[in-house]
Amino acid sequence: MLRVTLPAANDSGVIVLEGRLTGLWSQVLLLLARGEIRGHGKTFDLREVLYVDSAGENALQTLGRTYGASFIAESAYGKYLCKRLKLRRVSIAELENFNRQVRGSSPTPIIREAFAKKDNPPTCKVEKQHPSRCGE
């Protein structure tokens, strides 16, 4: 199974992939990416991808070659995929620098928040603030 988080959901302009990129999921990814690439960035986060079969590799190569996509890969497996498939790999720092240049000199906390560790729960800034509004 593959989980895809689109840029509208994570506010970072990055399409996040999680799980196994196999078979029909690779076709679904290409269909989603065709629509998303037009309006947003062309960066895919592969850090949570566990396995990619030949159909998934073909999808990643199509994204890289046809659409000029770049890939965030921090794990050994992700780096190996990018190297073997000759995909353009970017780091989070490079992505932040690019977004800073595009938006001007202001820092981009959105990118940092999108890539923050998922284990850290949001903290409330105001003691009387309702818990559902924490992290805003």
N, C-alpha and C. Protein backbone atom coordinates (compact mmCIF):
# COMPACT_ATOMS: atom_id res chain seq x y z
N MET A 1 0.85 -1.17 0.00
CA MET A 1 0.00 0.00 0.00
C MET A 1 0.90 1.24 0.00
N LEU A 2 0.42 2.26 -0.66
CA LEU A 2 1.15 3.52 -0.76
C LEU A 2 0.28 4.64 -0.21
N ARG A 3 0.87 5.47 0.62
CA ARG A 3 0.18 6.66 1.13
C ARG A 3 0.83 7.87 0.49
N VAL A 4 0.01 8.73 -0.09
CA VAL A 4 0.49 9.94 -0.76
C VAL A 4 -0.11 11.15 -0.07
N THR A 5 0.75 12.06 0.39
CA THR A 5 0.29 13.31 0.99
C THR A 5 0.60 14.42 0.00
N LEU A 6 -0.44 15.05 -0.48
CA LEU A 6 -0.31 16.08 -1.51
C LEU A 6 0.08 17.42 -0.87
N PRO A 7 0.64 18.34 -1.65
CA PRO A 7 1.08 19.63 -1.11
C PRO A 7 0.00 20.44 -0.41
N ALA A 8 -1.23 20.34 -0.82
CA ALA A 8 -2.30 21.10 -0.17
C ALA A 8 -2.48 20.65 1.28
N ALA A 9 -2.15 19.39 1.57
CA ALA A 9 -2.32 18.86 2.92
C ALA A 9 -1.14 19.16 3.83
N ASN A 10 0.08 19.28 3.27
CA ASN A 10 1.24 19.49 4.15
C ASN A 10 1.84 20.88 4.00
N ASP A 11 1.31 21.75 3.15
CA ASP A 11 1.72 23.14 3.01
C ASP A 11 3.20 23.34 2.70
N SER A 12 3.86 22.36 2.13
CA SER A 12 5.29 22.52 1.88
C SER A 12 5.63 22.49 0.40
N GLY A 13 4.69 22.13 -0.46
CA GLY A 13 4.99 22.01 -1.88
C GLY A 13 5.68 20.70 -2.22
N VAL A 14 5.72 19.79 -1.27
CA VAL A 14 6.38 18.51 -1.45
C VAL A 14 5.33 17.40 -1.42
N ILE A 15 5.41 16.48 -2.37
CA ILE A 15 4.53 15.32 -2.38
C ILE A 15 5.23 14.22 -1.58
N VAL A 16 4.62 13.82 -0.46
CA VAL A 16 5.23 12.85 0.44
C VAL A 16 4.70 11.45 0.13
N LEU A 17 5.62 10.50 -0.06
CA LEU A 17 5.26 9.11 -0.33
C LEU A 17 5.65 8.26 0.87
N GLU A 18 4.75 7.34 1.26
CA GLU A 18 5.02 6.45 2.39
C GLU A 18 4.54 5.05 2.04
N GLY A 19 5.36 4.05 2.35
CA GLY A 19 4.94 2.66 2.16
C GLY A 19 5.63 1.99 0.99
N ARG A 20 4.87 1.17 0.27
CA ARG A 20 5.41 0.37 -0.82
C ARG A 20 4.91 0.90 -2.17
N LEU A 21 5.83 1.23 -3.04
CA LEU A 21 5.50 1.74 -4.38
C LEU A 21 5.58 0.56 -5.34
N THR A 22 4.44 -0.11 -5.55
CA THR A 22 4.40 -1.32 -6.37
C THR A 22 3.20 -1.31 -7.30
N GLY A 23 3.31 -2.05 -8.39
CA GLY A 23 2.20 -2.35 -9.29
C GLY A 23 1.30 -1.19 -9.62
N LEU A 24 0.02 -1.36 -9.29
CA LEU A 24 -0.99 -0.35 -9.61
C LEU A 24 -0.77 0.96 -8.86
N TRP A 25 -0.13 0.89 -7.69
CA TRP A 25 0.13 2.11 -6.94
C TRP A 25 1.04 3.05 -7.72
N SER A 26 1.94 2.50 -8.52
CA SER A 26 2.81 3.36 -9.33
C SER A 26 2.01 4.11 -10.39
N GLN A 27 0.98 3.45 -10.96
CA GLN A 27 0.12 4.12 -11.93
C GLN A 27 -0.72 5.21 -11.26
N VAL A 28 -1.19 4.92 -10.06
CA VAL A 28 -1.96 5.91 -9.30
C VAL A 28 -1.07 7.12 -9.00
N LEU A 29 0.18 6.85 -8.62
CA LEU A 29 1.11 7.94 -8.33
C LEU A 29 1.30 8.82 -9.56
N LEU A 30 1.48 8.22 -10.72
CA LEU A 30 1.66 9.02 -11.94
C LEU A 30 0.43 9.86 -12.25
N LEU A 31 -0.76 9.30 -12.05
CA LEU A 31 -1.99 10.07 -12.29
C LEU A 31 -2.09 11.25 -11.32
N LEU A 32 -1.80 11.00 -10.04
CA LEU A 32 -1.83 12.09 -9.05
C LEU A 32 -0.77 13.14 -9.35
N ALA A 33 0.42 12.68 -9.69
CA ALA A 33 1.53 13.60 -9.90
C ALA A 33 1.31 14.48 -11.13
N ARG A 34 0.71 13.94 -12.15
CA ARG A 34 0.45 14.76 -13.35
C ARG A 34 -0.39 15.98 -13.01
N GLY A 35 -1.38 15.80 -12.16
CA GLY A 35 -2.22 16.92 -11.76
C GLY A 35 -1.53 17.85 -10.79
N GLU A 36 -0.75 17.32 -9.87
CA GLU A 36 -0.11 18.12 -8.83
C GLU A 36 1.11 18.87 -9.34
N ILE A 37 1.84 18.30 -10.26
CA ILE A 37 3.08 18.93 -10.73
C ILE A 37 2.79 20.26 -11.43
N ARG A 38 1.66 20.36 -12.07
CA ARG A 38 1.33 21.60 -12.79
C ARG A 38 1.20 22.79 -11.86
N GLY A 39 0.61 22.57 -10.69
CA GLY A 39 0.35 23.69 -9.80
C GLY A 39 1.34 23.88 -8.67
N HIS A 40 2.18 22.88 -8.42
CA HIS A 40 3.05 22.94 -7.25
C HIS A 40 4.46 22.56 -7.64
N GLY A 41 5.28 22.39 -6.63
CA GLY A 41 6.66 21.98 -6.84
C GLY A 41 6.76 20.58 -7.39
N LYS A 42 7.92 20.25 -7.84
CA LYS A 42 8.15 18.95 -8.44
C LYS A 42 9.05 18.12 -7.53
N THR A 43 8.82 18.17 -6.24
CA THR A 43 9.67 17.46 -5.30
C THR A 43 8.88 16.37 -4.61
N PHE A 44 9.46 15.19 -4.55
CA PHE A 44 8.85 14.03 -3.93
C PHE A 44 9.71 13.57 -2.76
N ASP A 45 9.09 13.33 -1.62
CA ASP A 45 9.79 12.88 -0.42
C ASP A 45 9.73 11.36 -0.37
N LEU A 46 10.89 10.71 -0.50
CA LEU A 46 10.98 9.25 -0.49
C LEU A 46 11.47 8.69 0.84
N ARG A 47 11.56 9.52 1.87
CA ARG A 47 12.16 9.07 3.13
C ARG A 47 11.39 7.95 3.80
N GLU A 48 10.08 7.85 3.58
CA GLU A 48 9.27 6.81 4.23
C GLU A 48 8.88 5.69 3.28
N VAL A 49 9.51 5.64 2.09
CA VAL A 49 9.23 4.55 1.15
C VAL A 49 10.03 3.33 1.58
N LEU A 50 9.34 2.19 1.71
CA LEU A 50 9.97 0.97 2.21
C LEU A 50 10.44 0.05 1.10
N TYR A 51 9.72 0.03 -0.03
CA TYR A 51 10.03 -0.91 -1.10
C TYR A 51 9.53 -0.35 -2.42
N VAL A 52 10.29 -0.57 -3.48
CA VAL A 52 9.89 -0.15 -4.82
C VAL A 52 10.16 -1.32 -5.77
N ASP A 53 9.12 -1.76 -6.50
CA ASP A 53 9.33 -2.82 -7.48
C ASP A 53 9.64 -2.20 -8.84
N SER A 54 9.69 -3.02 -9.89
CA SER A 54 10.07 -2.51 -11.22
C SER A 54 9.07 -1.50 -11.75
N ALA A 55 7.78 -1.70 -11.49
CA ALA A 55 6.76 -0.73 -11.93
C ALA A 55 6.95 0.60 -11.20
N GLY A 56 7.27 0.53 -9.91
CA GLY A 56 7.53 1.74 -9.13
C GLY A 56 8.78 2.45 -9.61
N GLU A 57 9.83 1.68 -9.95
CA GLU A 57 11.05 2.28 -10.49
C GLU A 57 10.77 3.00 -11.79
N ASN A 58 9.95 2.39 -12.65
CA ASN A 58 9.58 3.04 -13.91
C ASN A 58 8.81 4.33 -13.67
N ALA A 59 7.93 4.33 -12.65
CA ALA A 59 7.17 5.54 -12.32
C ALA A 59 8.12 6.64 -11.84
N LEU A 60 9.07 6.28 -10.97
CA LEU A 60 10.03 7.28 -10.47
C LEU A 60 10.88 7.84 -11.60
N GLN A 61 11.31 6.97 -12.52
CA GLN A 61 12.09 7.44 -13.66
C GLN A 61 11.26 8.35 -14.55
N THR A 62 10.00 8.03 -14.74
CA THR A 62 9.12 8.89 -15.54
C THR A 62 8.98 10.26 -14.88
N LEU A 63 8.79 10.27 -13.57
CA LEU A 63 8.68 11.54 -12.86
C LEU A 63 9.96 12.35 -12.99
N GLY A 64 11.09 11.67 -12.87
CA GLY A 64 12.38 12.37 -12.93
C GLY A 64 12.73 12.87 -14.31
N ARG A 65 12.51 12.05 -15.31
CA ARG A 65 12.92 12.41 -16.67
C ARG A 65 11.89 13.25 -17.41
N THR A 66 10.65 12.85 -17.35
CA THR A 66 9.61 13.55 -18.10
C THR A 66 9.21 14.86 -17.44
N TYR A 67 9.05 14.84 -16.12
CA TYR A 67 8.57 16.01 -15.41
C TYR A 67 9.67 16.80 -14.71
N GLY A 68 10.90 16.29 -14.73
CA GLY A 68 12.01 16.99 -14.09
C GLY A 68 11.90 17.05 -12.58
N ALA A 69 11.28 16.04 -11.99
CA ALA A 69 11.08 16.03 -10.54
C ALA A 69 12.39 15.78 -9.80
N SER A 70 12.45 16.27 -8.56
CA SER A 70 13.57 15.99 -7.68
C SER A 70 13.04 15.20 -6.49
N PHE A 71 13.96 14.54 -5.79
CA PHE A 71 13.55 13.61 -4.75
C PHE A 71 14.34 13.85 -3.47
N ILE A 72 13.63 13.84 -2.35
CA ILE A 72 14.27 13.91 -1.03
C ILE A 72 14.45 12.47 -0.58
N ALA A 73 15.69 12.07 -0.37
CA ALA A 73 15.99 10.70 0.05
C ALA A 73 17.11 10.75 1.08
N GLU A 74 16.78 10.53 2.34
CA GLU A 74 17.78 10.57 3.40
C GLU A 74 18.19 9.17 3.84
N SER A 75 17.36 8.15 3.57
CA SER A 75 17.69 6.79 3.99
C SER A 75 18.67 6.17 3.00
N ALA A 76 19.31 5.10 3.43
CA ALA A 76 20.25 4.39 2.55
C ALA A 76 19.51 3.85 1.32
N TYR A 77 18.31 3.31 1.53
CA TYR A 77 17.55 2.76 0.41
C TYR A 77 17.15 3.86 -0.57
N GLY A 78 16.71 4.99 -0.06
CA GLY A 78 16.32 6.11 -0.92
C GLY A 78 17.49 6.65 -1.72
N LYS A 79 18.65 6.78 -1.06
CA LYS A 79 19.85 7.23 -1.77
C LYS A 79 20.26 6.24 -2.84
N TYR A 80 20.15 4.95 -2.51
CA TYR A 80 20.48 3.90 -3.47
C TYR A 80 19.56 3.98 -4.69
N LEU A 81 18.26 4.17 -4.45
CA LEU A 81 17.30 4.29 -5.56
C LEU A 81 17.65 5.47 -6.46
N CYS A 82 17.91 6.61 -5.84
CA CYS A 82 18.23 7.80 -6.62
C CYS A 82 19.50 7.61 -7.44
N LYS A 83 20.48 6.97 -6.85
CA LYS A 83 21.74 6.76 -7.56
C LYS A 83 21.56 5.77 -8.71
N ARG A 84 20.89 4.64 -8.44
CA ARG A 84 20.74 3.60 -9.45
C ARG A 84 19.82 4.03 -10.59
N LEU A 85 18.76 4.78 -10.27
CA LEU A 85 17.81 5.22 -11.29
C LEU A 85 18.19 6.57 -11.89
N LYS A 86 19.30 7.15 -11.40
CA LYS A 86 19.80 8.44 -11.87
C LYS A 86 18.75 9.55 -11.72
N LEU A 87 18.20 9.62 -10.50
CA LEU A 87 17.21 10.64 -10.15
C LEU A 87 17.91 11.79 -9.46
N ARG A 88 17.37 12.98 -9.62
CA ARG A 88 17.95 14.18 -8.97
C ARG A 88 17.54 14.18 -7.51
N ARG A 89 18.53 14.06 -6.63
CA ARG A 89 18.28 14.03 -5.19
C ARG A 89 18.60 15.39 -4.60
N VAL A 90 17.70 15.89 -3.75
CA VAL A 90 17.92 17.17 -3.06
C VAL A 90 17.83 16.93 -1.56
N SER A 91 18.50 17.78 -0.81
CA SER A 91 18.40 17.70 0.65
C SER A 91 17.34 18.68 1.13
N ILE A 92 16.95 18.55 2.37
CA ILE A 92 15.97 19.46 2.94
C ILE A 92 16.53 20.88 2.98
N ALA A 93 17.82 21.02 3.27
CA ALA A 93 18.45 22.34 3.32
C ALA A 93 18.40 23.01 1.94
N GLU A 94 18.66 22.24 0.89
CA GLU A 94 18.59 22.81 -0.47
C GLU A 94 17.18 23.27 -0.78
N LEU A 95 16.21 22.50 -0.37
CA LEU A 95 14.81 22.85 -0.61
C LEU A 95 14.43 24.11 0.15
N GLU A 96 14.89 24.24 1.40
CA GLU A 96 14.62 25.45 2.17
C GLU A 96 15.27 26.67 1.53
N ASN A 97 16.51 26.53 1.06
CA ASN A 97 17.20 27.64 0.39
C ASN A 97 16.46 28.06 -0.87
N PHE A 98 16.00 27.09 -1.63
CA PHE A 98 15.26 27.40 -2.86
C PHE A 98 13.97 28.16 -2.53
N ASN A 99 13.22 27.66 -1.54
CA ASN A 99 11.97 28.33 -1.16
C ASN A 99 12.22 29.72 -0.60
N ARG A 100 13.33 29.90 0.10
CA ARG A 100 13.68 31.22 0.64
C ARG A 100 13.95 32.19 -0.52
N GLN A 101 14.63 31.73 -1.55
CA GLN A 101 14.91 32.58 -2.70
C GLN A 101 13.64 32.93 -3.45
N VAL A 102 12.73 31.97 -3.56
CA VAL A 102 11.49 32.21 -4.29
C VAL A 102 10.60 33.19 -3.54
N ARG A 103 10.52 33.05 -2.22
CA ARG A 103 9.63 33.89 -1.42
C ARG A 103 10.27 35.17 -0.94
N GLY A 104 11.53 35.36 -1.21
CA GLY A 104 12.23 36.53 -0.72
C GLY A 104 13.18 36.14 0.39
N SER A 105 13.54 37.09 1.22
CA SER A 105 14.52 36.82 2.27
C SER A 105 13.91 36.28 3.55
N SER A 106 12.58 36.14 3.61
CA SER A 106 11.96 35.66 4.84
C SER A 106 12.19 34.16 5.01
N PRO A 107 12.38 33.73 6.25
CA PRO A 107 12.58 32.30 6.49
C PRO A 107 11.31 31.52 6.19
N THR A 108 11.44 30.21 6.00
CA THR A 108 10.30 29.38 5.65
C THR A 108 10.03 28.36 6.75
N PRO A 109 9.28 28.76 7.77
CA PRO A 109 8.97 27.80 8.83
C PRO A 109 8.05 26.68 8.36
N ILE A 110 7.32 26.90 7.28
CA ILE A 110 6.41 25.88 6.77
C ILE A 110 7.17 24.62 6.40
N ILE A 111 8.30 24.78 5.72
CA ILE A 111 9.09 23.62 5.32
C ILE A 111 9.62 22.90 6.55
N ARG A 112 10.14 23.64 7.52
CA ARG A 112 10.67 23.02 8.72
C ARG A 112 9.59 22.25 9.46
N GLU A 113 8.39 22.82 9.55
CA GLU A 113 7.30 22.15 10.24
C GLU A 113 6.88 20.89 9.51
N ALA A 114 6.89 20.92 8.18
CA ALA A 114 6.46 19.76 7.40
C ALA A 114 7.43 18.60 7.57
N PHE A 115 8.71 18.91 7.81
CA PHE A 115 9.69 17.86 7.93
C PHE A 115 10.09 17.59 9.37
N ALA A 116 9.39 18.21 10.31
CA ALA A 116 9.71 17.97 11.73
C ALA A 116 9.38 16.52 12.06
N LYS A 117 10.03 16.01 13.08
CA LYS A 117 9.78 14.62 13.47
C LYS A 117 8.32 14.47 13.88
N LYS A 118 7.72 13.38 13.45
CA LYS A 118 6.32 13.15 13.71
C LYS A 118 6.08 12.76 15.16
N ASP A 119 7.12 12.38 15.88
CA ASP A 119 6.98 11.94 17.27
C ASP A 119 6.73 13.10 18.23
N ASN A 120 7.12 14.31 17.83
CA ASN A 120 6.98 15.47 18.71
C ASN A 120 5.56 16.03 18.62
N PRO A 121 4.76 15.95 19.71
CA PRO A 121 3.41 16.52 19.67
C PRO A 121 3.49 18.04 19.71
N PRO A 122 2.51 18.72 19.15
CA PRO A 122 2.51 20.18 19.21
C PRO A 122 2.33 20.65 20.65
N THR A 123 2.90 21.78 20.95
CA THR A 123 2.77 22.33 22.29
C THR A 123 1.90 23.58 22.24
N CYS A 124 1.16 23.80 23.31
CA CYS A 124 0.29 24.97 23.38
C CYS A 124 1.09 26.16 23.87
N LYS A 125 0.92 27.30 23.21
CA LYS A 125 1.62 28.51 23.60
C LYS A 125 0.87 29.23 24.71
N VAL A 126 -0.44 29.12 24.71
CA VAL A 126 -1.27 29.78 25.72
C VAL A 126 -1.89 28.69 26.59
N GLU A 127 -1.81 28.86 27.90
CA GLU A 127 -2.28 27.82 28.81
C GLU A 127 -3.78 27.56 28.67
N LYS A 128 -4.57 28.59 28.41
CA LYS A 128 -6.01 28.43 28.33
C LYS A 128 -6.48 28.02 26.93
N GLN A 129 -5.56 27.78 26.06
CA GLN A 129 -5.90 27.43 24.68
C GLN A 129 -6.43 25.99 24.64
N HIS A 130 -7.46 25.76 23.85
CA HIS A 130 -8.05 24.43 23.71
C HIS A 130 -7.03 23.50 23.05
N PRO A 131 -6.90 22.24 23.51
CA PRO A 131 -5.90 21.32 22.95
C PRO A 131 -6.01 21.10 21.45
N SER A 132 -7.21 21.21 20.89
CA SER A 132 -7.35 21.01 19.44
C SER A 132 -6.71 22.14 18.65
N ARG A 133 -6.44 23.28 19.28
CA ARG A 133 -5.85 24.40 18.57
C ARG A 133 -4.34 24.50 18.81
N CYS A 134 -3.76 23.50 19.47
CA CYS A 134 -2.32 23.50 19.71
C CYS A 134 -1.59 23.36 18.39
N GLY A 135 -0.46 23.98 18.28
CA GLY A 135 0.36 23.87 17.08
C GLY A 135 -0.02 24.86 16.00
N GLU A 136 -0.98 25.72 16.23
CA GLU A 136 -1.37 26.70 15.21
C GLU A 136 -0.55 27.96 15.37
